[in-house]
C-alpha atoms as a PDB file:
ATOM      1  CA  UNK A   1     -25.183 -25.576  37.866  1.00  0.00           C
ATOM      2  CA  UNK A   2     -22.754 -22.600  37.691  1.00  0.00           C
ATOM      3  CA  UNK A   3     -20.737 -20.504  40.181  1.00  0.00           C
ATOM      4  CA  UNK A   4     -19.326 -17.184  40.921  1.00  0.00           C
ATOM      5  CA  UNK A   5     -16.147 -16.912  43.370  1.00  0.00           C
ATOM      6  CA  UNK A   6     -16.148 -13.005  44.778  1.00  0.00           C
ATOM      7  CA  UNK A   7     -12.850 -12.127  46.322  1.00  0.00           C
ATOM      8  CA  UNK A   8     -12.859  -9.248  48.419  1.00  0.00           C
ATOM      9  CA  UNK A   9     -16.739  -9.920  49.123  1.00  0.00           C
ATOM     10  CA  UNK A  10     -18.112  -6.966  51.393  1.00  0.00           C
ATOM     11  CA  UNK A  11     -21.716  -5.648  52.015  1.00  0.00           C
ATOM     12  CA  UNK A  12     -21.990  -3.232  49.144  1.00  0.00           C
ATOM     13  CA  UNK A  13     -20.658  -4.182  45.678  1.00  0.00           C
ATOM     14  CA  UNK A  14     -19.876  -7.882  46.672  1.00  0.00           C
ATOM     15  CA  UNK A  15     -23.047  -8.203  48.016  1.00  0.00           C
ATOM     16  CA  UNK A  16     -24.684  -6.645  44.847  1.00  0.00           C
ATOM     17  CA  UNK A  17     -22.601  -8.894  42.257  1.00  0.00           C
ATOM     18  CA  UNK A  18     -23.585 -11.870  44.333  1.00  0.00           C
ATOM     19  CA  UNK A  19     -27.188 -11.038  44.139  1.00  0.00           C
ATOM     20  CA  UNK A  20     -26.929 -10.111  40.294  1.00  0.00           C
ATOM     21  CA  UNK A  21     -25.519 -13.794  39.819  1.00  0.00           C
ATOM     22  CA  UNK A  22     -27.529 -15.332  42.559  1.00  0.00           C
ATOM     23  CA  UNK A  23     -30.746 -14.300  40.719  1.00  0.00           C
ATOM     24  CA  UNK A  24     -29.595 -16.123  37.510  1.00  0.00           C
ATOM     25  CA  UNK A  25     -29.122 -19.170  39.473  1.00  0.00           C
ATOM     26  CA  UNK A  26     -25.613 -18.903  40.275  1.00  0.00           C
ATOM     27  CA  UNK A  27     -23.866 -20.450  43.627  1.00  0.00           C
ATOM     28  CA  UNK A  28     -22.061 -17.820  45.233  1.00  0.00           C
ATOM     29  CA  UNK A  29     -18.485 -18.350  46.992  1.00  0.00           C
ATOM     30  CA  UNK A  30     -17.435 -15.305  49.029  1.00  0.00           C
ATOM     31  CA  UNK A  31     -14.004 -14.806  49.870  1.00  0.00           C
ATOM     32  CA  UNK A  32     -12.448 -12.212  52.093  1.00  0.00           C
ATOM     33  CA  UNK A  33     -10.466 -12.367  55.676  1.00  0.00           C
ATOM     34  CA  UNK A  34     -13.493 -11.613  58.083  1.00  0.00           C
ATOM     35  CA  UNK A  35     -15.353 -14.726  58.923  1.00  0.00           C
ATOM     36  CA  UNK A  36     -17.937 -12.915  60.708  1.00  0.00           C
ATOM     37  CA  UNK A  37     -18.714 -10.654  58.119  1.00  0.00           C
ATOM     38  CA  UNK A  38     -19.082 -13.585  55.174  1.00  0.00           C
ATOM     39  CA  UNK A  39     -21.379 -15.472  57.347  1.00  0.00           C
ATOM     40  CA  UNK A  40     -23.494 -12.305  57.772  1.00  0.00           C
ATOM     41  CA  UNK A  41     -23.310 -11.900  53.939  1.00  0.00           C
ATOM     42  CA  UNK A  42     -24.039 -15.752  53.575  1.00  0.00           C
ATOM     43  CA  UNK A  43     -27.244 -15.071  55.855  1.00  0.00           C
ATOM     44  CA  UNK A  44     -28.595 -12.532  53.939  1.00  0.00           C
ATOM     45  CA  UNK A  45     -27.961 -14.318  50.541  1.00  0.00           C
ATOM     46  CA  UNK A  46     -29.542 -17.656  51.944  1.00  0.00           C
ATOM     47  CA  UNK A  47     -32.473 -15.642  53.100  1.00  0.00           C
ATOM     48  CA  UNK A  48     -33.240 -14.410  49.605  1.00  0.00           C
ATOM     49  CA  UNK A  49     -33.076 -17.834  48.064  1.00  0.00           C
ATOM     50  CA  UNK A  50     -29.123 -17.874  46.868  1.00  0.00           C
ATOM     51  CA  UNK A  51     -27.036 -20.848  47.542  1.00  0.00           C
ATOM     52  CA  UNK A  52     -23.811 -18.976  49.118  1.00  0.00           C
ATOM     53  CA  UNK A  53     -20.822 -20.189  51.479  1.00  0.00           C
ATOM     54  CA  UNK A  54     -17.840 -18.337  53.252  1.00  0.00           C
ATOM     55  CA  UNK A  55     -14.521 -18.996  52.292  1.00  0.00           C
ATOM     56  CA  UNK A  56     -12.274 -16.890  54.605  1.00  0.00           C
ATOM     57  CA  UNK A  57      -8.692 -15.735  53.424  1.00  0.00           C
ATOM     58  CA  UNK A  58      -6.548 -13.016  53.237  1.00  0.00           C
ATOM     59  CA  UNK A  59      -5.605 -12.050  49.922  1.00  0.00           C
ATOM     60  CA  UNK A  60      -2.044 -10.903  51.074  1.00  0.00           C
ATOM     61  CA  UNK A  61      -1.669 -14.793  52.222  1.00  0.00           C
ATOM     62  CA  UNK A  62      -1.408 -16.570  48.701  1.00  0.00           C
ATOM     63  CA  UNK A  63      -1.483 -19.901  50.144  1.00  0.00           C
ATOM     64  CA  UNK A  64      -4.632 -19.158  51.787  1.00  0.00           C
ATOM     65  CA  UNK A  65      -6.235 -17.552  49.105  1.00  0.00           C
ATOM     66  CA  UNK A  66      -5.541 -20.450  46.836  1.00  0.00           C
ATOM     67  CA  UNK A  67      -6.827 -22.759  49.095  1.00  0.00           C
ATOM     68  CA  UNK A  68     -10.007 -20.920  49.690  1.00  0.00           C
ATOM     69  CA  UNK A  69     -10.528 -20.818  45.794  1.00  0.00           C
ATOM     70  CA  UNK A  70      -9.828 -24.792  45.544  1.00  0.00           C
ATOM     71  CA  UNK A  71     -12.047 -25.240  48.718  1.00  0.00           C
ATOM     72  CA  UNK A  72     -14.958 -22.974  46.718  1.00  0.00           C
ATOM     73  CA  UNK A  73     -14.338 -25.109  43.476  1.00  0.00           C
ATOM     74  CA  UNK A  74     -14.625 -28.419  45.359  1.00  0.00           C
ATOM     75  CA  UNK A  75     -17.881 -27.061  47.059  1.00  0.00           C
ATOM     76  CA  UNK A  76     -19.701 -25.990  43.922  1.00  0.00           C
ATOM     77  CA  UNK A  77     -18.268 -28.368  41.356  1.00  0.00           C
ATOM     78  CA  UNK A  78     -15.922 -25.717  40.000  1.00  0.00           C
ATOM     79  CA  UNK A  79     -15.693 -21.690  39.533  1.00  0.00           C
ATOM     80  CA  UNK A  80     -17.349 -20.303  36.223  1.00  0.00           C
ATOM     81  CA  UNK A  81     -16.753 -16.848  37.186  1.00  0.00           C
ATOM     82  CA  UNK A  82     -14.038 -15.149  39.276  1.00  0.00           C
ATOM     83  CA  UNK A  83     -14.710 -11.642  40.513  1.00  0.00           C
ATOM     84  CA  UNK A  84     -11.677  -9.621  42.296  1.00  0.00           C
ATOM     85  CA  UNK A  85     -12.600  -6.508  44.134  1.00  0.00           C
ATOM     86  CA  UNK A  86      -9.433  -4.963  45.841  1.00  0.00           C
ATOM     87  CA  UNK A  87     -11.594  -1.924  46.316  1.00  0.00           C
ATOM     88  CA  UNK A  88     -12.108   0.008  49.964  1.00  0.00           C
ATOM     89  CA  UNK A  89      -8.317  -0.258  51.088  1.00  0.00           C
ATOM     90  CA  UNK A  90      -7.902   3.507  51.763  1.00  0.00           C
ATOM     91  CA  UNK A  91      -8.452   2.807  55.482  1.00  0.00           C
ATOM     92  CA  UNK A  92      -5.438   0.182  55.641  1.00  0.00           C
ATOM     93  CA  UNK A  93      -2.802   2.015  53.896  1.00  0.00           C
ATOM     94  CA  UNK A  94      -1.182   5.586  53.954  1.00  0.00           C
ATOM     95  CA  UNK A  95      -2.328   7.843  50.809  1.00  0.00           C
ATOM     96  CA  UNK A  96       0.578   9.801  49.298  1.00  0.00           C
ATOM     97  CA  UNK A  97       0.717  12.119  46.247  1.00  0.00           C
ATOM     98  CA  UNK A  98       3.286  11.233  43.740  1.00  0.00           C
ATOM     99  CA  UNK A  99       5.870  13.614  44.965  1.00  0.00           C
ATOM    100  CA  UNK A 100       5.492  12.366  48.520  1.00  0.00           C
ATOM    101  CA  UNK A 101       5.445   8.542  47.377  1.00  0.00           C
ATOM    102  CA  UNK A 102       8.088   5.963  48.508  1.00  0.00           C
ATOM    103  CA  UNK A 103       8.442   2.478  47.514  1.00  0.00           C
ATOM    104  CA  UNK A 104       6.987   1.272  50.355  1.00  0.00           C
ATOM    105  CA  UNK A 105       3.867   3.279  49.932  1.00  0.00           C
ATOM    106  CA  UNK A 106       3.093   1.496  46.835  1.00  0.00           C
ATOM    107  CA  UNK A 107       4.135  -1.985  47.945  1.00  0.00           C
ATOM    108  CA  UNK A 108       1.169  -2.693  50.259  1.00  0.00           C
ATOM    109  CA  UNK A 109      -1.054  -1.630  47.366  1.00  0.00           C
ATOM    110  CA  UNK A 110       0.568  -3.890  44.983  1.00  0.00           C
ATOM    111  CA  UNK A 111       0.615  -6.840  46.959  1.00  0.00           C
ATOM    112  CA  UNK A 112      -3.255  -6.201  47.676  1.00  0.00           C
ATOM    113  CA  UNK A 113      -4.244  -5.394  44.268  1.00  0.00           C
ATOM    114  CA  UNK A 114      -2.180  -6.815  41.906  1.00  0.00           C
ATOM    115  CA  UNK A 115      -0.296  -9.887  43.324  1.00  0.00           C
ATOM    116  CA  UNK A 116      -3.634 -11.036  44.974  1.00  0.00           C
ATOM    117  CA  UNK A 117      -5.265 -10.864  41.276  1.00  0.00           C
ATOM    118  CA  UNK A 118      -2.478 -12.843  40.027  1.00  0.00           C
ATOM    119  CA  UNK A 119      -2.627 -15.652  42.683  1.00  0.00           C
ATOM    120  CA  UNK A 120      -6.626 -15.746  42.407  1.00  0.00           C
ATOM    121  CA  UNK A 121      -6.228 -16.076  38.761  1.00  0.00           C
ATOM    122  CA  UNK A 122      -3.703 -19.032  39.230  1.00  0.00           C
ATOM    123  CA  UNK A 123      -5.986 -20.850  41.086  1.00  0.00           C
ATOM    124  CA  UNK A 124      -9.220 -20.372  38.990  1.00  0.00           C
ATOM    125  CA  UNK A 125      -7.816 -20.151  35.439  1.00  0.00           C
ATOM    126  CA  UNK A 126      -6.365 -23.601  34.614  1.00  0.00           C
ATOM    127  CA  UNK A 127      -9.664 -25.348  34.836  1.00  0.00           C
ATOM    128  CA  UNK A 128     -11.380 -22.540  32.932  1.00  0.00           C
ATOM    129  CA  UNK A 129      -9.006 -23.022  30.155  1.00  0.00           C
ATOM    130  CA  UNK A 130      -9.425 -26.832  30.124  1.00  0.00           C
ATOM    131  CA  UNK A 131     -13.075 -26.336  30.089  1.00  0.00           C
ATOM    132  CA  UNK A 132     -12.858 -23.668  27.198  1.00  0.00           C
ATOM    133  CA  UNK A 133     -15.363 -21.577  29.134  1.00  0.00           C
ATOM    134  CA  UNK A 134     -14.961 -19.071  32.142  1.00  0.00           C
ATOM    135  CA  UNK A 135     -14.710 -15.386  33.142  1.00  0.00           C
ATOM    136  CA  UNK A 136     -12.280 -13.275  35.118  1.00  0.00           C
ATOM    137  CA  UNK A 137     -13.399  -9.844  36.102  1.00  0.00           C
ATOM    138  CA  UNK A 138     -11.279  -7.080  38.017  1.00  0.00           C
ATOM    139  CA  UNK A 139     -12.195  -4.186  39.539  1.00  0.00           C
ATOM    140  CA  UNK A 140     -10.534  -0.845  40.310  1.00  0.00           C
ATOM    141  CA  UNK A 141     -11.292   2.570  40.890  1.00  0.00           C
ATOM    142  CA  UNK A 142     -11.518   4.838  37.840  1.00  0.00           C
ATOM    143  CA  UNK A 143      -8.214   6.150  39.135  1.00  0.00           C
ATOM    144  CA  UNK A 144      -6.372   3.345  37.508  1.00  0.00           C
ATOM    145  CA  UNK A 145      -7.476   5.185  34.223  1.00  0.00           C
ATOM    146  CA  UNK A 146      -7.588   8.922  35.196  1.00  0.00           C
ATOM    147  CA  UNK A 147      -5.223   9.113  38.433  1.00  0.00           C
ATOM    148  CA  UNK A 148      -5.949  11.655  40.896  1.00  0.00           C
ATOM    149  CA  UNK A 149      -2.544  12.947  42.774  1.00  0.00           C
ATOM    150  CA  UNK A 150      -4.332  12.598  46.248  1.00  0.00           C
ATOM    151  CA  UNK A 151      -4.404   8.899  46.127  1.00  0.00           C
ATOM    152  CA  UNK A 152      -1.256   8.495  44.047  1.00  0.00           C
ATOM    153  CA  UNK A 153       0.216   5.136  45.616  1.00  0.00           C
ATOM    154  CA  UNK A 154      -3.403   3.490  45.163  1.00  0.00           C
ATOM    155  CA  UNK A 155      -3.879   4.576  41.723  1.00  0.00           C
ATOM    156  CA  UNK A 156      -0.408   3.327  40.602  1.00  0.00           C
ATOM    157  CA  UNK A 157      -1.061  -0.013  41.947  1.00  0.00           C
ATOM    158  CA  UNK A 158      -4.586  -0.015  40.452  1.00  0.00           C
ATOM    159  CA  UNK A 159      -2.842   0.945  36.933  1.00  0.00           C
ATOM    160  CA  UNK A 160      -0.919  -2.143  37.211  1.00  0.00           C
ATOM    161  CA  UNK A 161      -3.898  -4.267  37.900  1.00  0.00           C
ATOM    162  CA  UNK A 162      -5.663  -2.786  34.873  1.00  0.00           C
ATOM    163  CA  UNK A 163      -2.827  -3.172  32.615  1.00  0.00           C
ATOM    164  CA  UNK A 164      -2.263  -6.886  33.379  1.00  0.00           C
ATOM    165  CA  UNK A 165      -6.383  -7.640  33.187  1.00  0.00           C
ATOM    166  CA  UNK A 166      -6.464  -6.090  29.759  1.00  0.00           C
ATOM    167  CA  UNK A 167      -3.178  -7.820  28.635  1.00  0.00           C
ATOM    168  CA  UNK A 168      -4.784 -11.219  29.993  1.00  0.00           C
ATOM    169  CA  UNK A 169      -8.061 -10.425  27.903  1.00  0.00           C
ATOM    170  CA  UNK A 170      -5.912 -10.179  24.954  1.00  0.00           C
ATOM    171  CA  UNK A 171      -3.988 -13.295  25.594  1.00  0.00           C
ATOM    172  CA  UNK A 172      -7.205 -15.321  26.387  1.00  0.00           C
ATOM    173  CA  UNK A 173      -8.822 -14.118  23.022  1.00  0.00           C
ATOM    174  CA  UNK A 174     -10.236 -16.995  21.196  1.00  0.00           C
ATOM    175  CA  UNK A 175      -9.837 -19.461  24.057  1.00  0.00           C
ATOM    176  CA  UNK A 176     -13.713 -19.105  25.255  1.00  0.00           C
ATOM    177  CA  UNK A 177     -12.540 -17.650  28.524  1.00  0.00           C
ATOM    178  CA  UNK A 178     -13.189 -13.799  29.058  1.00  0.00           C
ATOM    179  CA  UNK A 179     -11.075 -11.540  31.216  1.00  0.00           C
ATOM    180  CA  UNK A 180     -12.021  -7.816  31.764  1.00  0.00           C
ATOM    181  CA  UNK A 181     -11.374  -4.808  33.833  1.00  0.00           C
ATOM    182  CA  UNK A 182     -14.215  -2.843  35.693  1.00  0.00           C
ATOM    183  CA  UNK A 183     -13.208   0.812  36.394  1.00  0.00           C
ATOM    184  CA  UNK A 184     -15.806   2.285  38.882  1.00  0.00           C
ATOM    185  CA  UNK A 185     -15.553   6.137  38.358  1.00  0.00           C
ATOM    186  CA  UNK A 186     -18.342   6.880  41.421  1.00  0.00           C
ATOM    187  CA  UNK A 187     -18.308   6.499  45.175  1.00  0.00           C
ATOM    188  CA  UNK A 188     -20.440   3.152  46.089  1.00  0.00           C
ATOM    189  CA  UNK A 189     -23.293   3.674  48.404  1.00  0.00           C
ATOM    190  CA  UNK A 190     -22.175   6.943  50.106  1.00  0.00           C
ATOM    191  CA  UNK A 191     -20.031  10.092  48.982  1.00  0.00           C
ATOM    192  CA  UNK A 192     -16.502  10.021  50.391  1.00  0.00           C
ATOM    193  CA  UNK A 193     -15.239  12.520  48.323  1.00  0.00           C
ATOM    194  CA  UNK A 194     -17.164  16.384  48.334  1.00  0.00           C
ATOM    195  CA  UNK A 195     -19.284  16.773  44.790  1.00  0.00           C
ATOM    196  CA  UNK A 196     -18.039  13.314  43.621  1.00  0.00           C
ATOM    197  CA  UNK A 197     -20.864  11.162  41.966  1.00  0.00           C
ATOM    198  CA  UNK A 198     -22.436   8.318  44.137  1.00  0.00           C
ATOM    199  CA  UNK A 199     -24.258   5.129  42.598  1.00  0.00           C
ATOM    200  CA  UNK A 200     -25.763   2.481  44.505  1.00  0.00           C
ATOM    201  CA  UNK A 201     -24.094  -0.967  44.358  1.00  0.00           C
ATOM    202  CA  UNK A 202     -27.216  -2.397  42.727  1.00  0.00           C
ATOM    203  CA  UNK A 203     -26.797   0.164  39.900  1.00  0.00           C
ATOM    204  CA  UNK A 204     -23.221  -0.923  39.324  1.00  0.00           C
ATOM    205  CA  UNK A 205     -23.413  -4.990  39.689  1.00  0.00           C
ATOM    206  CA  UNK A 206     -25.100  -5.459  36.136  1.00  0.00           C
ATOM    207  CA  UNK A 207     -22.050  -4.437  34.451  1.00  0.00           C
ATOM    208  CA  UNK A 208     -20.430  -7.473  35.622  1.00  0.00           C
ATOM    209  CA  UNK A 209     -23.433  -9.787  34.369  1.00  0.00           C
ATOM    210  CA  UNK A 210     -22.948  -8.118  30.757  1.00  0.00           C
ATOM    211  CA  UNK A 211     -19.118  -8.763  30.826  1.00  0.00           C
ATOM    212  CA  UNK A 212     -19.780 -12.361  31.444  1.00  0.00           C
ATOM    213  CA  UNK A 213     -22.797 -12.636  28.895  1.00  0.00           C
ATOM    214  CA  UNK A 214     -23.161 -10.022  26.265  1.00  0.00           C
ATOM    215  CA  UNK A 215     -19.975  -8.327  26.180  1.00  0.00           C
ATOM    216  CA  UNK A 216     -17.406 -10.626  26.281  1.00  0.00           C
ATOM    217  CA  UNK A 217     -15.398  -9.112  23.594  1.00  0.00           C
ATOM    218  CA  UNK A 218     -14.848  -6.168  25.879  1.00  0.00           C
ATOM    219  CA  UNK A 219     -11.787  -5.818  27.833  1.00  0.00           C
ATOM    220  CA  UNK A 220     -12.980  -2.822  30.012  1.00  0.00           C
ATOM    221  CA  UNK A 221     -16.108  -1.163  30.867  1.00  0.00           C
ATOM    222  CA  UNK A 222     -15.960   1.859  33.033  1.00  0.00           C
ATOM    223  CA  UNK A 223     -19.292   2.696  35.144  1.00  0.00           C
ATOM    224  CA  UNK A 224     -19.862   6.337  35.533  1.00  0.00           C
ATOM    225  CA  UNK A 225     -22.849   8.993  35.836  1.00  0.00           C
END
């Protein structure tokens, strides 16, 4: 049996990724801070025939995140794929342009995006390296590649995560463990920026399956329309 842990799981992209992997026989561990929402996602997946379980943890609480992933590994006999999705944070941070940005404006996003990803990776990677197999996938908006002034602080943290993920891919080359970055250059589900392209989550989620299966040599895929 194989399993995927989705950190930052939500009702759009996280659920779509869970469905994509679940349809291939994967067990699904869902990690985010809201137990009620996780239980709803587990119910949805269970009704669709996917084995899923909730592991509540706030990515800002490193110990809780580490424990949640350890619990998921115990429940499902290991974690074969780790997907980290620190997206949808605009509502929890003040957006600043580069000229208006103070260190404190970036700090929350760095904690949430980069440091959370590092903590999650530290929890899952050792077993993957020992097995000589596994996949680590990290999601950001495409502002990590082509930044937008209106969200300068968010883009700076996302760029740090992208840099780290691609560097991790280089370090793990030849070990059997794949690490890759997914840049999403669309609004997901509904438009939040006028005239910006929008895609449904199920259009995006196959990218993650491809990186796990047929595109293991790639350090990055960008989804755009």
